[in-house]
N, C-alpha and C. Protein backbone atom coordinates (compact mmCIF):
# COMPACT_ATOMS: atom_id res chain seq x y z
N MET A 1 0.95 -1.10 -0.10
CA MET A 1 -0.05 -0.37 -0.28
C MET A 1 1.10 0.96 0.07
N SER A 2 2.15 1.24 0.68
CA SER A 2 3.29 2.15 0.78
C SER A 2 3.29 3.27 -0.84
N GLY A 3 3.68 1.85 -1.46
CA GLY A 3 4.72 1.94 -2.44
C GLY A 3 3.75 2.75 -3.36
N ARG A 4 2.34 1.89 -3.48
CA ARG A 4 1.14 2.24 -4.34
C ARG A 4 0.65 3.72 -4.01
N LEU A 5 0.41 4.42 -2.68
CA LEU A 5 1.00 5.52 -2.04
C LEU A 5 1.83 6.81 -2.54
N ARG A 6 2.86 6.20 -2.81
CA ARG A 6 3.86 6.96 -3.06
C ARG A 6 3.84 7.36 -4.64
N ARG A 7 3.48 6.03 -5.19
CA ARG A 7 3.36 6.53 -6.89
C ARG A 7 2.53 7.40 -6.91
N ILE A 8 0.98 7.55 -6.07
CA ILE A 8 0.33 8.45 -6.44
C ILE A 8 1.17 9.48 -6.41
N THR A 9 1.39 9.73 -5.08
CA THR A 9 2.07 11.18 -4.67
C THR A 9 2.89 11.53 -6.15
N LEU A 10 4.16 10.93 -6.23
CA LEU A 10 5.12 10.88 -7.72
C LEU A 10 3.97 11.88 -9.08
N LEU A 11 3.23 10.65 -9.51
CA LEU A 11 2.50 11.40 -10.17
C LEU A 11 1.60 12.47 -10.42
N MET A 12 1.64 12.48 -9.05
CA MET A 12 0.31 14.29 -8.74
C MET A 12 1.78 14.99 -8.64
N ARG A 13 2.41 15.06 -8.26
CA ARG A 13 3.49 16.30 -7.79
C ARG A 13 4.01 16.33 -9.48
N ARG A 14 4.16 15.10 -10.56
CA ARG A 14 4.69 15.83 -11.52
C ARG A 14 3.94 16.41 -12.61
N GLU A 15 2.72 15.69 -12.52
CA GLU A 15 1.12 16.45 -13.03
C GLU A 15 1.42 17.94 -12.88
N LEU A 16 1.46 18.73 -11.48
CA LEU A 16 1.17 19.91 -10.93
C LEU A 16 2.66 20.25 -11.46
N LEU A 17 3.92 20.14 -11.49
CA LEU A 17 4.74 20.64 -12.00
C LEU A 17 4.91 21.21 -13.55
N ASP A 18 4.22 20.14 -14.37
CA ASP A 18 3.30 20.33 -15.74
C ASP A 18 2.51 21.37 -15.78
N VAL A 19 1.64 21.03 -14.72
CA VAL A 19 0.73 22.66 -15.10
C VAL A 19 1.28 23.86 -14.93
N LEU A 20 2.12 23.87 -13.54
CA LEU A 20 2.87 25.17 -13.44
C LEU A 20 3.48 25.67 -14.06
N ARG A 21 4.56 25.09 -15.27
CA ARG A 21 5.96 25.25 -15.96
C ARG A 21 5.45 25.93 -17.42
N ASP A 22 3.31 25.85 -17.46
CA ASP A 22 2.81 25.99 -18.60
C ASP A 22 1.91 26.94 -18.33
N ARG A 23 2.98 27.78 -19.21
CA ARG A 23 2.41 29.41 -18.85
C ARG A 23 0.94 30.00 -19.18
N ARG A 24 0.61 29.40 -20.06
CA ARG A 24 -0.67 29.47 -20.94
C ARG A 24 -2.03 28.63 -19.92
N THR A 25 -1.74 27.79 -19.25
CA THR A 25 -2.70 27.09 -18.60
C THR A 25 -2.32 28.15 -16.65
N LEU A 26 -1.32 28.87 -16.74
CA LEU A 26 -1.76 29.91 -15.78
C LEU A 26 -2.11 30.98 -15.86
N PHE A 27 -2.05 31.26 -17.33
CA PHE A 27 -2.52 32.98 -17.70
C PHE A 27 -4.39 32.63 -17.81
N GLY A 28 -4.80 31.48 -18.10
CA GLY A 28 -5.94 30.72 -18.14
C GLY A 28 -6.73 30.40 -16.53
N VAL A 29 -6.15 30.00 -15.75
CA VAL A 29 -6.66 29.89 -14.83
C VAL A 29 -6.33 31.22 -13.64
N LEU A 30 -5.50 32.17 -13.60
CA LEU A 30 -5.15 32.50 -13.00
C LEU A 30 -6.13 34.27 -13.18
N VAL A 31 -5.39 34.25 -14.42
CA VAL A 31 -4.97 35.58 -14.96
C VAL A 31 -6.48 36.32 -15.91
N VAL A 32 -6.81 35.31 -17.07
CA VAL A 32 -8.67 35.41 -17.40
C VAL A 32 -9.60 36.04 -16.55
N PRO A 33 -9.98 34.83 -15.42
CA PRO A 33 -11.24 34.93 -14.50
C PRO A 33 -10.94 36.64 -13.73
N VAL A 34 -9.87 36.85 -13.52
CA VAL A 34 -9.45 38.31 -12.58
C VAL A 34 -9.85 39.00 -13.30
N LEU A 35 -9.31 39.11 -14.65
CA LEU A 35 -10.04 39.98 -15.66
C LEU A 35 -11.68 40.03 -15.94
N VAL A 36 -12.02 39.26 -16.47
CA VAL A 36 -13.07 38.75 -17.23
C VAL A 36 -14.40 38.86 -16.54
N TYR A 37 -13.84 38.27 -15.16
CA TYR A 37 -15.39 38.11 -13.96
C TYR A 37 -15.76 39.90 -13.73
N PRO A 38 -14.99 40.79 -13.16
CA PRO A 38 -15.54 41.80 -13.17
C PRO A 38 -15.39 42.58 -14.31
N LEU A 39 -15.28 42.04 -15.54
CA LEU A 39 -15.38 42.83 -16.97
C LEU A 39 -17.34 42.65 -17.43
N LEU A 40 -17.77 41.28 -16.35
CA LEU A 40 -19.13 40.85 -17.09
C LEU A 40 -20.03 41.61 -16.11
N LEU A 41 -19.42 41.77 -15.09
CA LEU A 41 -19.87 42.06 -13.81
C LEU A 41 -20.86 43.63 -13.66
N PHE A 42 -19.85 44.66 -14.55
CA PHE A 42 -19.54 45.49 -14.17
C PHE A 42 -20.66 45.93 -16.04
N GLY A 43 -20.20 44.84 -17.04
CA GLY A 43 -21.83 45.04 -18.04
C GLY A 43 -22.73 45.07 -17.80
N PHE A 44 -23.05 44.03 -17.64
CA PHE A 44 -24.55 43.73 -16.95
C PHE A 44 -25.25 44.70 -16.16
N SER A 45 -23.86 44.90 -14.92
CA SER A 45 -24.76 46.48 -13.60
C SER A 45 -25.69 47.09 -14.50
N HIS A 46 -24.46 47.45 -15.68
CA HIS A 46 -24.82 48.62 -15.90
C HIS A 46 -26.11 48.40 -17.13
N LEU A 47 -25.79 47.35 -17.78
CA LEU A 47 -27.10 46.93 -19.02
C LEU A 47 -28.16 47.01 -18.72
N MET A 48 -28.31 46.90 -16.78
CA MET A 48 -30.12 46.11 -16.09
C MET A 48 -30.20 47.81 -15.39
N MET A 49 -29.04 48.70 -15.13
CA MET A 49 -29.46 49.92 -14.61
C MET A 49 -29.83 50.50 -16.25
N ARG A 50 -29.39 50.37 -17.04
CA ARG A 50 -29.87 51.09 -18.22
C ARG A 50 -31.13 50.99 -18.80
N GLN A 51 -31.63 49.77 -18.97
CA GLN A 51 -33.53 49.09 -19.29
C GLN A 51 -34.10 49.26 -17.65
N THR A 52 -33.96 49.95 -16.71
CA THR A 52 -34.71 50.13 -15.47
C THR A 52 -34.42 51.49 -15.44
N ALA A 53 -34.14 52.19 -16.17
CA ALA A 53 -34.22 53.52 -16.45
C ALA A 53 -34.99 54.08 -17.26
N GLU A 54 -35.21 53.20 -18.60
CA GLU A 54 -35.42 53.49 -19.45
C GLU A 54 -37.41 52.71 -19.30
N VAL A 55 -37.54 51.67 -18.89
CA VAL A 55 -38.37 51.26 -18.43
C VAL A 55 -39.33 52.77 -16.99
N GLN A 56 -38.47 53.03 -16.03
CA GLN A 56 -39.74 53.94 -15.34
C GLN A 56 -39.34 55.49 -16.34
N ALA A 57 -38.91 55.37 -17.20
CA ALA A 57 -39.26 57.27 -17.80
C ALA A 57 -40.66 56.88 -18.89
N ARG A 58 -40.64 55.51 -19.29
CA ARG A 58 -41.61 55.28 -19.75
C ARG A 58 -42.93 55.18 -19.63
N THR A 59 -44.29 55.94 -19.53
CA THR A 59 -45.71 55.79 -19.34
C THR A 59 -46.46 54.43 -20.03
N SER A 60 -47.38 54.30 -18.99
CA SER A 60 -47.88 53.10 -19.20
C SER A 60 -49.32 53.63 -19.87
N ARG A 61 -49.87 53.23 -20.95
CA ARG A 61 -50.95 53.68 -21.24
C ARG A 61 -51.91 52.45 -20.49
N ILE A 62 -53.34 53.68 -20.19
CA ILE A 62 -54.48 52.26 -19.97
C ILE A 62 -55.96 52.43 -20.39
N TRP A 63 -56.26 52.45 -20.67
CA TRP A 63 -57.85 52.34 -21.26
C TRP A 63 -58.54 52.13 -19.54
N LEU A 64 -59.71 53.08 -19.48
CA LEU A 64 -60.65 52.65 -19.18
C LEU A 64 -61.82 53.02 -19.17
N ILE A 65 -62.52 51.57 -18.64
CA ILE A 65 -63.75 50.90 -19.46
C ILE A 65 -65.02 50.91 -18.21
N GLY A 66 -66.28 52.33 -18.45
CA GLY A 66 -66.97 52.39 -17.06
C GLY A 66 -66.47 53.13 -16.21
N GLY A 67 -65.54 53.96 -16.19
CA GLY A 67 -64.94 54.57 -15.04
C GLY A 67 -66.04 55.64 -14.53
N ASP A 68 -67.13 55.74 -14.97
CA ASP A 68 -67.76 56.93 -14.13
C ASP A 68 -68.97 55.89 -13.08
N GLU A 69 -68.61 54.06 -13.10
CA GLU A 69 -69.00 54.21 -12.22
C GLU A 69 -68.14 53.55 -11.28
N ALA A 70 -66.41 54.14 -11.13
CA ALA A 70 -65.47 54.31 -10.18
C ALA A 70 -64.69 55.38 -10.01
N PRO A 71 -65.76 56.54 -9.51
CA PRO A 71 -64.88 57.61 -10.17
C PRO A 71 -63.65 58.41 -9.16
N GLY A 72 -63.73 57.39 -7.52
CA GLY A 72 -62.48 57.61 -7.16
C GLY A 72 -61.35 56.87 -8.11
N LEU A 73 -61.51 55.70 -8.19
CA LEU A 73 -60.55 55.08 -8.91
C LEU A 73 -60.29 55.82 -9.98
N THR A 74 -60.82 56.26 -10.71
CA THR A 74 -60.95 57.35 -11.93
C THR A 74 -59.81 58.42 -11.79
N ALA A 75 -60.13 59.17 -10.55
CA ALA A 75 -59.37 60.03 -10.01
C ALA A 75 -58.09 59.73 -9.85
N GLN A 76 -57.86 58.89 -8.99
CA GLN A 76 -56.10 58.31 -8.38
C GLN A 76 -56.16 57.78 -9.72
N LEU A 77 -56.00 57.43 -10.92
CA LEU A 77 -55.72 56.85 -12.26
C LEU A 77 -55.07 58.03 -12.73
N GLU A 78 -56.22 59.67 -12.60
CA GLU A 78 -55.88 60.03 -13.40
C GLU A 78 -54.61 60.76 -13.05
N LEU A 79 -54.98 60.97 -11.44
CA LEU A 79 -53.86 61.39 -10.65
C LEU A 79 -52.03 61.34 -11.02
N ALA A 80 -52.07 59.87 -11.35
CA ALA A 80 -50.31 59.32 -11.58
C ALA A 80 -49.60 59.47 -12.39
N GLY A 81 -49.15 59.94 -12.56
CA GLY A 81 -47.74 60.75 -13.27
C GLY A 81 -47.32 59.46 -14.52
N GLU A 82 -46.93 58.55 -13.97
CA GLU A 82 -46.63 57.68 -14.99
C GLU A 82 -47.64 56.75 -15.26
N LEU A 83 -49.23 57.18 -15.76
CA LEU A 83 -49.59 56.25 -15.99
C LEU A 83 -50.56 57.76 -17.54
N SER A 84 -50.65 56.60 -18.62
CA SER A 84 -51.97 57.35 -19.11
C SER A 84 -52.94 57.19 -19.94
N VAL A 85 -54.24 57.57 -19.09
CA VAL A 85 -55.64 57.27 -19.09
C VAL A 85 -56.36 57.42 -20.11
N THR A 86 -56.41 56.69 -20.57
CA THR A 86 -57.67 56.70 -22.17
C THR A 86 -58.98 55.96 -21.60
N ARG A 87 -60.18 57.24 -21.55
CA ARG A 87 -61.39 56.69 -21.37
C ARG A 87 -62.55 57.13 -21.82
N ARG A 88 -62.94 55.32 -22.11
CA ARG A 88 -64.10 55.09 -22.27
C ARG A 88 -65.48 54.65 -22.66
N ASP A 89 -66.12 55.37 -21.76
CA ASP A 89 -67.95 55.03 -21.62
C ASP A 89 -68.32 54.40 -22.43
N ASP A 90 -68.22 54.31 -23.17
CA ASP A 90 -69.34 53.54 -24.22
C ASP A 90 -68.69 51.98 -23.95
N ARG A 91 -69.93 50.83 -24.02
CA ARG A 91 -69.06 49.54 -23.98
C ARG A 91 -68.69 48.85 -25.12
N PRO A 92 -67.88 47.85 -25.05
CA PRO A 92 -68.21 47.15 -26.43
C PRO A 92 -68.41 45.54 -26.25
N ASP A 93 -68.44 44.82 -27.29
CA ASP A 93 -69.28 43.55 -27.40
C ASP A 93 -68.10 42.91 -26.72
N PRO A 94 -68.07 42.35 -25.33
CA PRO A 94 -66.73 41.43 -24.62
C PRO A 94 -66.22 40.79 -25.76
N ASP A 95 -67.56 39.90 -26.57
CA ASP A 95 -66.77 38.95 -27.33
C ASP A 95 -66.12 39.74 -28.09
N ASP A 96 -66.15 41.26 -28.81
CA ASP A 96 -65.39 41.79 -30.15
C ASP A 96 -63.99 42.45 -29.02
N VAL A 97 -62.73 41.41 -28.65
CA VAL A 97 -62.03 42.06 -28.22
C VAL A 97 -61.18 43.22 -29.10
N ALA A 98 -61.03 42.95 -30.25
CA ALA A 98 -60.70 43.56 -31.35
C ALA A 98 -60.82 44.44 -31.06
N THR A 99 -61.47 45.37 -30.76
CA THR A 99 -61.83 46.55 -30.52
C THR A 99 -61.14 47.61 -29.18
N LEU A 100 -60.75 46.38 -29.18
CA LEU A 100 -60.18 47.38 -27.29
C LEU A 100 -58.62 47.36 -27.86
N LEU A 101 -57.93 46.72 -28.63
CA LEU A 101 -56.65 47.03 -29.17
C LEU A 101 -56.32 48.05 -29.75
């Protein structure tokens, strides 16, 4: 058992020395992750911040059908600055969804 363990240890040592001698492997294992991961993190966070700002700046459009039945809701929706409220008092046929679009 001792001889087998010694061979395994020698083999591991030899492989480790081969890896440490190969500069491309060292570069790929040590330098690339140190450079690439922060760049990816910064890039994705910048992209998310930009898209969040675009969504927040956008005005949502809603159609309010039958707003006369809920005047409090109508007033609250019209006071919200992020919403563009289009009132529609005539009630379309529920089967005709195309008129709502």
